[in-house]
Amino acid sequence: VTAVNDVWFSTDGETWDEVTTAANWIPRALFGCISYNEKMWVIGGSNGVSQNDAWYSIDGKNWTLATAGAFGSALGTFLYQQGVAPTTIVGTPAVSPGVFTVWGNAQPDWTSSWSNNITFLKNFDLNFLMEYRSGGDNINLTSFLTDGGGTTKGWFDDDNKDGIPNGRQRPPAPYNNAARWVQDATFMKVREIGLYYTVPKDFLSRSFGRVIQRAKIGVSGNNVFLFTKYKGYDPETSTFGAQAVANNVDVAPYPTARRLFFHLQIDF
């Protein structure tokens, strides 16, 4: 299926004239097209990646973005616009008709990892792999859901002492805009860590003769430790799956699984 963004019109359904060879929305196929409120609408579709934006036009040539992804401007959404990074997160309040405030960017500033293998006390080995990700924002709609149910930690607190609980008045000002759900996803994870002990050969010789040549025991884990100020379960989230855009939306997903392993290696 070919992805396109040309627009045509007809008065009789038989003879068609081209309005534009390239509308300002991303070329796509399998999209929805409706007429509503005296406007033409293009909704969703796919160009190899599922699109969840919506555009409208009065003349078929000039198109306006209604919502760019996620769940709309009130909760935070991704901006698809020429000259702007598609990981840009915008939302209410609007600064002008159809133009919303930029609140963040899903792309991290930088990432780094550190791995090492340390041998100590002669027979112990410590292996680890850590990752640090600086910057990058998530649209945390898990907080939206818990706020709606009044179960967010500190919901009933009143930081500014104005009689309105925090859950009804989220900063930044003006209160209760989309920025309350756009949160810094900086984190450090210990992705892998393992501690192993090699049994001394003289002990094996005394205990098992020449039956066992080498023995090693240990314990290891994946995603054991997470350090972050992010308010969701896990800043490394993707409710919409692995895709280039709309990849940082948190709608109560399962956190990354922690796994623990025990090891026993015996060479005869």
C-alpha atoms as a PDB file:
ATOM      1  CA  VAL A   1       0.000   0.000   0.000  1.00  0.00           C
ATOM      2  CA  THR A   2       1.427   3.377  -1.054  1.00  0.00           C
ATOM      3  CA  ALA A   3       1.489   6.238   1.459  1.00  0.00           C
ATOM      4  CA  VAL A   4       0.348   9.519  -0.096  1.00  0.00           C
ATOM      5  CA  ASN A   5      -0.614  13.059   0.911  1.00  0.00           C
ATOM      6  CA  ASP A   6      -2.049  14.505  -2.305  1.00  0.00           C
ATOM      7  CA  VAL A   7      -5.603  15.906  -2.251  1.00  0.00           C
ATOM      8  CA  TRP A   8      -8.221  15.852  -5.020  1.00  0.00           C
ATOM      9  CA  PHE A   9     -11.783  17.134  -5.337  1.00  0.00           C
ATOM     10  CA  SER A  10     -14.768  16.426  -7.530  1.00  0.00           C
ATOM     11  CA  THR A  11     -18.265  17.854  -7.953  1.00  0.00           C
ATOM     12  CA  ASP A  12     -19.686  14.754  -9.627  1.00  0.00           C
ATOM     13  CA  GLY A  13     -17.440  11.898  -8.436  1.00  0.00           C
ATOM     14  CA  GLU A  14     -16.344  11.239 -12.016  1.00  0.00           C
ATOM     15  CA  THR A  15     -14.072  14.140 -12.899  1.00  0.00           C
ATOM     16  CA  TRP A  16     -11.348  14.947 -10.363  1.00  0.00           C
ATOM     17  CA  ASP A  17      -8.990  17.925 -10.008  1.00  0.00           C
ATOM     18  CA  GLU A  18      -5.853  17.987  -7.892  1.00  0.00           C
ATOM     19  CA  VAL A  19      -5.841  20.553  -5.072  1.00  0.00           C
ATOM     20  CA  THR A  20      -2.323  19.904  -3.822  1.00  0.00           C
ATOM     21  CA  THR A  21       0.394  17.406  -4.577  1.00  0.00           C
ATOM     22  CA  ALA A  22       1.605  17.384  -0.964  1.00  0.00           C
ATOM     23  CA  ALA A  23      -0.508  18.392   2.009  1.00  0.00           C
ATOM     24  CA  ASN A  24       1.430  19.263   5.166  1.00  0.00           C
ATOM     25  CA  TRP A  25       0.514  16.042   6.953  1.00  0.00           C
ATOM     26  CA  ILE A  26       2.763  12.984   6.766  1.00  0.00           C
ATOM     27  CA  PRO A  27       2.043  10.745   3.730  1.00  0.00           C
ATOM     28  CA  ARG A  28      -0.084   7.772   4.781  1.00  0.00           C
ATOM     29  CA  ALA A  29      -2.429   5.017   3.728  1.00  0.00           C
ATOM     30  CA  LEU A  30      -5.457   3.369   5.372  1.00  0.00           C
ATOM     31  CA  PHE A  31      -6.544   6.631   7.013  1.00  0.00           C
ATOM     32  CA  GLY A  32      -9.997   7.833   7.944  1.00  0.00           C
ATOM     33  CA  CYS A  33     -11.540  10.651   5.907  1.00  0.00           C
ATOM     34  CA  ILE A  34     -14.798  12.343   6.901  1.00  0.00           C
ATOM     35  CA  SER A  35     -16.690  15.593   6.441  1.00  0.00           C
ATOM     36  CA  TYR A  36     -17.767  17.178   9.729  1.00  0.00           C
ATOM     37  CA  ASN A  37     -18.780  20.695  10.760  1.00  0.00           C
ATOM     38  CA  GLU A  38     -18.107  22.033   7.236  1.00  0.00           C
ATOM     39  CA  LYS A  39     -14.517  20.737   7.330  1.00  0.00           C
ATOM     40  CA  MET A  40     -12.679  17.827   5.749  1.00  0.00           C
ATOM     41  CA  TRP A  41     -10.873  15.600   8.241  1.00  0.00           C
ATOM     42  CA  VAL A  42      -7.969  13.172   7.820  1.00  0.00           C
ATOM     43  CA  ILE A  43      -7.560  10.892  10.826  1.00  0.00           C
ATOM     44  CA  GLY A  44      -4.895   8.325  11.664  1.00  0.00           C
ATOM     45  CA  GLY A  45      -3.580   5.925   9.054  1.00  0.00           C
ATOM     46  CA  SER A  46      -0.187   4.311   8.577  1.00  0.00           C
ATOM     47  CA  ASN A  47       3.028   4.783   6.617  1.00  0.00           C
ATOM     48  CA  GLY A  48       4.682   1.724   8.121  1.00  0.00           C
ATOM     49  CA  VAL A  49       4.135   3.289  11.548  1.00  0.00           C
ATOM     50  CA  SER A  50       0.638   3.797  12.917  1.00  0.00           C
ATOM     51  CA  GLN A  51      -0.381   7.473  13.003  1.00  0.00           C
ATOM     52  CA  ASN A  52      -2.785   8.813  15.628  1.00  0.00           C
ATOM     53  CA  ASP A  53      -3.053  12.456  14.572  1.00  0.00           C
ATOM     54  CA  ALA A  54      -6.040  14.319  13.104  1.00  0.00           C
ATOM     55  CA  TRP A  55      -6.042  17.162  10.560  1.00  0.00           C
ATOM     56  CA  TYR A  56      -8.818  19.346   9.139  1.00  0.00           C
ATOM     57  CA  SER A  57      -9.178  21.703   6.181  1.00  0.00           C
ATOM     58  CA  ILE A  58     -11.794  23.979   4.691  1.00  0.00           C
ATOM     59  CA  ASP A  59     -10.369  24.102   1.159  1.00  0.00           C
ATOM     60  CA  GLY A  60      -8.297  20.890   0.934  1.00  0.00           C
ATOM     61  CA  LYS A  61      -5.075  22.855   0.445  1.00  0.00           C
ATOM     62  CA  ASN A  62      -4.461  24.418   3.855  1.00  0.00           C
ATOM     63  CA  TRP A  63      -4.543  21.926   6.704  1.00  0.00           C
ATOM     64  CA  THR A  64      -4.565  22.464  10.469  1.00  0.00           C
ATOM     65  CA  LEU A  65      -3.421  19.939  13.032  1.00  0.00           C
ATOM     66  CA  ALA A  66      -6.205  19.190  15.504  1.00  0.00           C
ATOM     67  CA  THR A  67      -4.305  16.669  17.599  1.00  0.00           C
ATOM     68  CA  ALA A  68      -0.861  15.192  16.998  1.00  0.00           C
ATOM     69  CA  GLY A  69      -0.961  11.971  18.938  1.00  0.00           C
ATOM     70  CA  ALA A  70      -1.383  10.510  22.403  1.00  0.00           C
ATOM     71  CA  PHE A  71      -4.762  11.675  23.758  1.00  0.00           C
ATOM     72  CA  GLY A  72      -5.110  15.280  22.698  1.00  0.00           C
ATOM     73  CA  SER A  73      -3.804  18.695  23.684  1.00  0.00           C
ATOM     74  CA  ALA A  74      -5.407  18.711  27.153  1.00  0.00           C
ATOM     75  CA  LEU A  75      -3.280  15.740  28.230  1.00  0.00           C
ATOM     76  CA  GLY A  76      -0.173  16.349  26.127  1.00  0.00           C
ATOM     77  CA  THR A  77       0.404  15.311  22.546  1.00  0.00           C
ATOM     78  CA  PHE A  78       3.164  15.110  19.925  1.00  0.00           C
ATOM     79  CA  LEU A  79       3.581  17.888  17.371  1.00  0.00           C
ATOM     80  CA  TYR A  80       4.033  16.966  13.717  1.00  0.00           C
ATOM     81  CA  GLN A  81       5.132  20.147  11.993  1.00  0.00           C
ATOM     82  CA  GLN A  82       7.769  20.965   9.420  1.00  0.00           C
ATOM     83  CA  GLY A  83      10.954  22.238  11.048  1.00  0.00           C
ATOM     84  CA  VAL A  84      10.033  20.875  14.485  1.00  0.00           C
ATOM     85  CA  ALA A  85      11.318  17.633  16.022  1.00  0.00           C
ATOM     86  CA  PRO A  86       8.473  15.054  15.970  1.00  0.00           C
ATOM     87  CA  THR A  87       9.320  14.168  19.572  1.00  0.00           C
ATOM     88  CA  THR A  88       8.180  17.648  20.694  1.00  0.00           C
ATOM     89  CA  ILE A  89       5.378  17.487  23.284  1.00  0.00           C
ATOM     90  CA  VAL A  90       2.763  20.247  23.265  1.00  0.00           C
ATOM     91  CA  GLY A  91      -0.482  20.885  25.073  1.00  0.00           C
ATOM     92  CA  THR A  92      -2.797  23.378  26.700  1.00  0.00           C
ATOM     93  CA  PRO A  93      -2.959  26.283  27.132  1.00  0.00           C
ATOM     94  CA  ALA A  94      -3.105  27.433  23.512  1.00  0.00           C
ATOM     95  CA  VAL A  95      -0.886  30.413  22.707  1.00  0.00           C
ATOM     96  CA  SER A  96      -2.959  31.168  19.586  1.00  0.00           C
ATOM     97  CA  PRO A  97      -5.753  29.345  17.714  1.00  0.00           C
ATOM     98  CA  GLY A  98      -4.501  25.840  16.931  1.00  0.00           C
ATOM     99  CA  VAL A  99      -1.036  26.519  18.424  1.00  0.00           C
ATOM    100  CA  PHE A 100      -0.236  25.034  21.818  1.00  0.00           C
ATOM    101  CA  THR A 101       2.455  25.500  24.454  1.00  0.00           C
ATOM    102  CA  VAL A 102       5.604  23.411  24.101  1.00  0.00           C
ATOM    103  CA  TRP A 103       6.072  21.499  27.361  1.00  0.00           C
ATOM    104  CA  GLY A 104       8.837  19.009  26.628  1.00  0.00           C
ATOM    105  CA  ASN A 105      10.586  16.609  24.320  1.00  0.00           C
ATOM    106  CA  ALA A 106      10.555  12.818  24.426  1.00  0.00           C
ATOM    107  CA  GLN A 107      14.120  12.607  23.112  1.00  0.00           C
ATOM    108  CA  PRO A 108      16.730  12.227  25.901  1.00  0.00           C
ATOM    109  CA  ASP A 109      19.546  14.770  26.085  1.00  0.00           C
ATOM    110  CA  TRP A 110      22.073  11.947  26.283  1.00  0.00           C
ATOM    111  CA  THR A 111      22.472   8.372  27.455  1.00  0.00           C
ATOM    112  CA  SER A 112      25.425   6.440  28.807  1.00  0.00           C
ATOM    113  CA  SER A 113      26.193   2.965  30.065  1.00  0.00           C
ATOM    114  CA  TRP A 114      28.910   1.500  32.266  1.00  0.00           C
ATOM    115  CA  SER A 115      29.905  -2.120  32.596  1.00  0.00           C
ATOM    116  CA  ASN A 116      32.644  -3.667  34.697  1.00  0.00           C
ATOM    117  CA  ASN A 117      33.972  -6.948  36.030  1.00  0.00           C
ATOM    118  CA  ILE A 118      35.638  -6.755  39.434  1.00  0.00           C
ATOM    119  CA  THR A 119      37.556  -9.621  41.049  1.00  0.00           C
ATOM    120  CA  PHE A 120      38.133  -9.341  44.791  1.00  0.00           C
ATOM    121  CA  LEU A 121      39.170 -11.584  47.677  1.00  0.00           C
ATOM    122  CA  LYS A 122      40.693 -13.829  45.027  1.00  0.00           C
ATOM    123  CA  ASN A 123      37.622 -15.987  44.377  1.00  0.00           C
ATOM    124  CA  PHE A 124      34.771 -13.452  44.069  1.00  0.00           C
ATOM    125  CA  ASP A 125      33.640 -11.827  40.803  1.00  0.00           C
ATOM    126  CA  LEU A 126      31.220  -8.914  40.604  1.00  0.00           C
ATOM    127  CA  ASN A 127      29.768  -8.056  37.175  1.00  0.00           C
ATOM    128  CA  PHE A 128      27.384  -5.201  36.471  1.00  0.00           C
ATOM    129  CA  LEU A 129      25.882  -3.130  33.669  1.00  0.00           C
ATOM    130  CA  MET A 130      24.326   0.263  34.446  1.00  0.00           C
ATOM    131  CA  GLU A 131      22.555   2.754  32.190  1.00  0.00           C
ATOM    132  CA  TYR A 132      21.957   6.454  32.815  1.00  0.00           C
ATOM    133  CA  ARG A 133      19.546   8.438  30.689  1.00  0.00           C
ATOM    134  CA  SER A 134      19.478  12.210  31.097  1.00  0.00           C
ATOM    135  CA  GLY A 135      16.420  14.172  30.051  1.00  0.00           C
ATOM    136  CA  GLY A 136      13.561  13.125  27.834  1.00  0.00           C
ATOM    137  CA  ASP A 137       9.953  13.588  28.919  1.00  0.00           C
ATOM    138  CA  ASN A 138       7.043  11.182  29.270  1.00  0.00           C
ATOM    139  CA  ILE A 139       3.335  11.903  29.018  1.00  0.00           C
ATOM    140  CA  ASN A 140       2.396  10.288  32.320  1.00  0.00           C
ATOM    141  CA  LEU A 141      -1.285   9.436  32.041  1.00  0.00           C
ATOM    142  CA  THR A 142      -0.965   6.987  34.931  1.00  0.00           C
ATOM    143  CA  SER A 143      -0.880  10.127  37.085  1.00  0.00           C
ATOM    144  CA  PHE A 144      -3.946  11.367  35.219  1.00  0.00           C
ATOM    145  CA  LEU A 145      -5.809   8.178  36.132  1.00  0.00           C
ATOM    146  CA  THR A 146      -4.780   8.213  39.799  1.00  0.00           C
ATOM    147  CA  ASP A 147      -5.593  11.923  40.068  1.00  0.00           C
ATOM    148  CA  GLY A 148      -9.030  11.223  38.624  1.00  0.00           C
ATOM    149  CA  GLY A 149      -9.604   8.608  41.308  1.00  0.00           C
ATOM    150  CA  GLY A 150      -8.124  10.747  44.079  1.00  0.00           C
ATOM    151  CA  THR A 151      -5.525   8.096  44.870  1.00  0.00           C
ATOM    152  CA  THR A 152      -2.334   9.932  43.883  1.00  0.00           C
ATOM    153  CA  LYS A 153       0.104  10.276  46.764  1.00  0.00           C
ATOM    154  CA  GLY A 154      -0.358  13.746  48.274  1.00  0.00           C
ATOM    155  CA  TRP A 155      -3.645  14.342  46.415  1.00  0.00           C
ATOM    156  CA  PHE A 156      -5.296  15.894  49.495  1.00  0.00           C
ATOM    157  CA  ASP A 157      -2.282  18.027  50.471  1.00  0.00           C
ATOM    158  CA  ASP A 158      -2.521  21.782  50.017  1.00  0.00           C
ATOM    159  CA  ASP A 159       0.951  23.146  49.294  1.00  0.00           C
ATOM    160  CA  ASN A 160      -0.073  26.769  48.721  1.00  0.00           C
ATOM    161  CA  LYS A 161      -2.672  26.808  51.537  1.00  0.00           C
ATOM    162  CA  ASP A 162      -5.494  28.146  49.361  1.00  0.00           C
ATOM    163  CA  GLY A 163      -8.026  25.511  50.415  1.00  0.00           C
ATOM    164  CA  ILE A 164      -7.799  23.595  47.114  1.00  0.00           C
ATOM    165  CA  PRO A 165      -6.095  20.171  47.309  1.00  0.00           C
ATOM    166  CA  ASN A 166      -3.048  19.539  45.132  1.00  0.00           C
ATOM    167  CA  GLY A 167      -4.999  16.952  43.146  1.00  0.00           C
ATOM    168  CA  ARG A 168      -7.357  19.684  41.925  1.00  0.00           C
ATOM    169  CA  GLN A 169      -4.669  22.270  41.246  1.00  0.00           C
ATOM    170  CA  ARG A 170      -1.569  20.909  39.554  1.00  0.00           C
ATOM    171  CA  PRO A 171       1.254  23.294  38.614  1.00  0.00           C
ATOM    172  CA  PRO A 172       2.664  24.949  36.608  1.00  0.00           C
ATOM    173  CA  ALA A 173       0.436  28.008  36.324  1.00  0.00           C
ATOM    174  CA  PRO A 174      -2.031  28.460  34.794  1.00  0.00           C
ATOM    175  CA  TYR A 175      -3.093  25.414  36.780  1.00  0.00           C
ATOM    176  CA  ASN A 176      -4.358  22.132  35.342  1.00  0.00           C
ATOM    177  CA  ASN A 177      -2.803  22.458  31.903  1.00  0.00           C
ATOM    178  CA  ALA A 178      -1.131  19.649  29.985  1.00  0.00           C
ATOM    179  CA  ALA A 179       2.256  20.266  31.654  1.00  0.00           C
ATOM    180  CA  ARG A 180       1.126  18.455  34.819  1.00  0.00           C
ATOM    181  CA  TRP A 181       1.327  15.156  32.892  1.00  0.00           C
ATOM    182  CA  VAL A 182       4.597  15.916  31.046  1.00  0.00           C
ATOM    183  CA  GLN A 183       7.286  14.661  33.409  1.00  0.00           C
ATOM    184  CA  ASP A 184      11.055  14.324  33.311  1.00  0.00           C
ATOM    185  CA  ALA A 185      11.996  10.684  32.647  1.00  0.00           C
ATOM    186  CA  THR A 186      15.654  10.856  33.724  1.00  0.00           C
ATOM    187  CA  PHE A 187      16.741   7.582  35.327  1.00  0.00           C
ATOM    188  CA  MET A 188      19.598   5.296  36.241  1.00  0.00           C
ATOM    189  CA  LYS A 189      19.075   1.533  36.048  1.00  0.00           C
ATOM    190  CA  VAL A 190      21.223  -1.345  37.127  1.00  0.00           C
ATOM    191  CA  ARG A 191      20.296  -3.519  34.169  1.00  0.00           C
ATOM    192  CA  GLU A 192      22.430  -6.500  35.091  1.00  0.00           C
ATOM    193  CA  ILE A 193      24.374  -7.397  38.214  1.00  0.00           C
ATOM    194  CA  GLY A 194      25.900 -10.677  39.321  1.00  0.00           C
ATOM    195  CA  LEU A 195      28.051 -11.950  42.180  1.00  0.00           C
ATOM    196  CA  TYR A 196      29.926 -15.248  41.714  1.00  0.00           C
ATOM    197  CA  TYR A 197      32.216 -17.354  43.891  1.00  0.00           C
ATOM    198  CA  THR A 198      34.745 -19.814  42.481  1.00  0.00           C
ATOM    199  CA  VAL A 199      35.321 -22.686  44.901  1.00  0.00           C
ATOM    200  CA  PRO A 200      39.065 -23.110  45.634  1.00  0.00           C
ATOM    201  CA  LYS A 201      40.662 -26.097  43.893  1.00  0.00           C
ATOM    202  CA  ASP A 202      42.318 -27.384  47.084  1.00  0.00           C
ATOM    203  CA  PHE A 203      38.889 -27.610  48.729  1.00  0.00           C
ATOM    204  CA  LEU A 204      37.518 -29.540  45.743  1.00  0.00           C
ATOM    205  CA  SER A 205      40.493 -31.905  45.813  1.00  0.00           C
ATOM    206  CA  ARG A 206      40.089 -32.625  49.518  1.00  0.00           C
ATOM    207  CA  SER A 207      36.316 -33.058  49.261  1.00  0.00           C
ATOM    208  CA  PHE A 208      35.819 -34.755  45.903  1.00  0.00           C
ATOM    209  CA  GLY A 209      39.238 -35.952  44.820  1.00  0.00           C
ATOM    210  CA  ARG A 210      39.573 -35.608  41.059  1.00  0.00           C
ATOM    211  CA  VAL A 211      35.833 -35.982  40.360  1.00  0.00           C
ATOM    212  CA  ILE A 212      35.111 -32.248  40.237  1.00  0.00           C
ATOM    213  CA  GLN A 213      37.679 -30.073  38.482  1.00  0.00           C
ATOM    214  CA  ARG A 214      35.963 -26.707  38.898  1.00  0.00           C
ATOM    215  CA  ALA A 215      32.895 -25.340  40.675  1.00  0.00           C
ATOM    216  CA  LYS A 216      31.329 -21.901  40.626  1.00  0.00           C
ATOM    217  CA  ILE A 217      28.191 -20.603  42.347  1.00  0.00           C
ATOM    218  CA  GLY A 218      26.500 -17.235  42.090  1.00  0.00           C
ATOM    219  CA  VAL A 219      23.435 -15.055  41.969  1.00  0.00           C
ATOM    220  CA  SER A 220      22.484 -12.456  39.354  1.00  0.00           C
ATOM    221  CA  GLY A 221      19.594 -10.200  38.485  1.00  0.00           C
ATOM    222  CA  ASN A 222      18.134  -8.013  35.725  1.00  0.00           C
ATOM    223  CA  ASN A 223      16.628  -4.564  36.352  1.00  0.00           C
ATOM    224  CA  VAL A 224      17.177  -4.960  40.083  1.00  0.00           C
ATOM    225  CA  PHE A 225      17.639  -1.267  40.955  1.00  0.00           C
ATOM    226  CA  LEU A 226      16.024   1.888  39.557  1.00  0.00           C
ATOM    227  CA  PHE A 227      16.854   5.454  40.615  1.00  0.00           C
ATOM    228  CA  THR A 228      14.539   8.183  39.305  1.00  0.00           C
ATOM    229  CA  LYS A 229      12.273  11.062  40.325  1.00  0.00           C
ATOM    230  CA  TYR A 230       9.703  10.058  37.717  1.00  0.00           C
ATOM    231  CA  LYS A 231       6.264   9.591  39.293  1.00  0.00           C
ATOM    232  CA  GLY A 232       5.182   6.567  37.284  1.00  0.00           C
ATOM    233  CA  TYR A 233       6.108   2.933  37.801  1.00  0.00           C
ATOM    234  CA  ASP A 234       8.894   2.990  35.246  1.00  0.00           C
ATOM    235  CA  PRO A 235      10.219   5.932  33.179  1.00  0.00           C
ATOM    236  CA  GLU A 236      11.222   3.504  30.415  1.00  0.00           C
ATOM    237  CA  THR A 237       7.704   3.012  29.144  1.00  0.00           C
ATOM    238  CA  SER A 238       5.926   2.669  25.808  1.00  0.00           C
ATOM    239  CA  THR A 239       2.189   2.069  25.900  1.00  0.00           C
ATOM    240  CA  PHE A 240       1.985   2.335  22.097  1.00  0.00           C
ATOM    241  CA  GLY A 241       4.851  -0.101  21.536  1.00  0.00           C
ATOM    242  CA  ALA A 242       8.222   0.520  19.933  1.00  0.00           C
ATOM    243  CA  GLN A 243       7.866   3.324  17.414  1.00  0.00           C
ATOM    244  CA  ALA A 244       9.720   6.501  16.545  1.00  0.00           C
ATOM    245  CA  VAL A 245       6.983   8.875  17.708  1.00  0.00           C
ATOM    246  CA  ALA A 246       4.484   8.567  20.574  1.00  0.00           C
ATOM    247  CA  ASN A 247       6.957   6.242  22.210  1.00  0.00           C
ATOM    248  CA  ASN A 248       6.890   7.884  25.654  1.00  0.00           C
ATOM    249  CA  VAL A 249       3.245   7.651  26.675  1.00  0.00           C
ATOM    250  CA  ASP A 250       2.590   6.039  30.065  1.00  0.00           C
ATOM    251  CA  VAL A 251      -0.922   4.623  30.560  1.00  0.00           C
ATOM    252  CA  ALA A 252      -0.478   2.303  33.545  1.00  0.00           C
ATOM    253  CA  PRO A 253       1.759  -0.246  31.813  1.00  0.00           C
ATOM    254  CA  TYR A 254       3.463  -3.095  33.607  1.00  0.00           C
ATOM    255  CA  PRO A 255       6.928  -1.983  34.770  1.00  0.00           C
ATOM    256  CA  THR A 256      10.032  -3.681  33.417  1.00  0.00           C
ATOM    257  CA  ALA A 257      10.256  -7.109  35.009  1.00  0.00           C
ATOM    258  CA  ARG A 258      12.871  -7.763  37.687  1.00  0.00           C
ATOM    259  CA  ARG A 259      14.427 -11.200  37.412  1.00  0.00           C
ATOM    260  CA  LEU A 260      16.639 -13.091  39.832  1.00  0.00           C
ATOM    261  CA  PHE A 261      18.814 -16.090  38.890  1.00  0.00           C
ATOM    262  CA  PHE A 262      20.855 -18.585  40.855  1.00  0.00           C
ATOM    263  CA  HIS A 263      23.879 -20.204  39.223  1.00  0.00           C
ATOM    264  CA  LEU A 264      25.731 -23.451  39.778  1.00  0.00           C
ATOM    265  CA  GLN A 265      28.490 -24.471  37.390  1.00  0.00           C
ATOM    266  CA  ILE A 266      30.396 -27.745  37.865  1.00  0.00           C
ATOM    267  CA  ASP A 267      33.119 -29.062  35.564  1.00  0.00           C
ATOM    268  CA  PHE A 268      34.010 -32.761  35.841  1.00  0.00           C
END
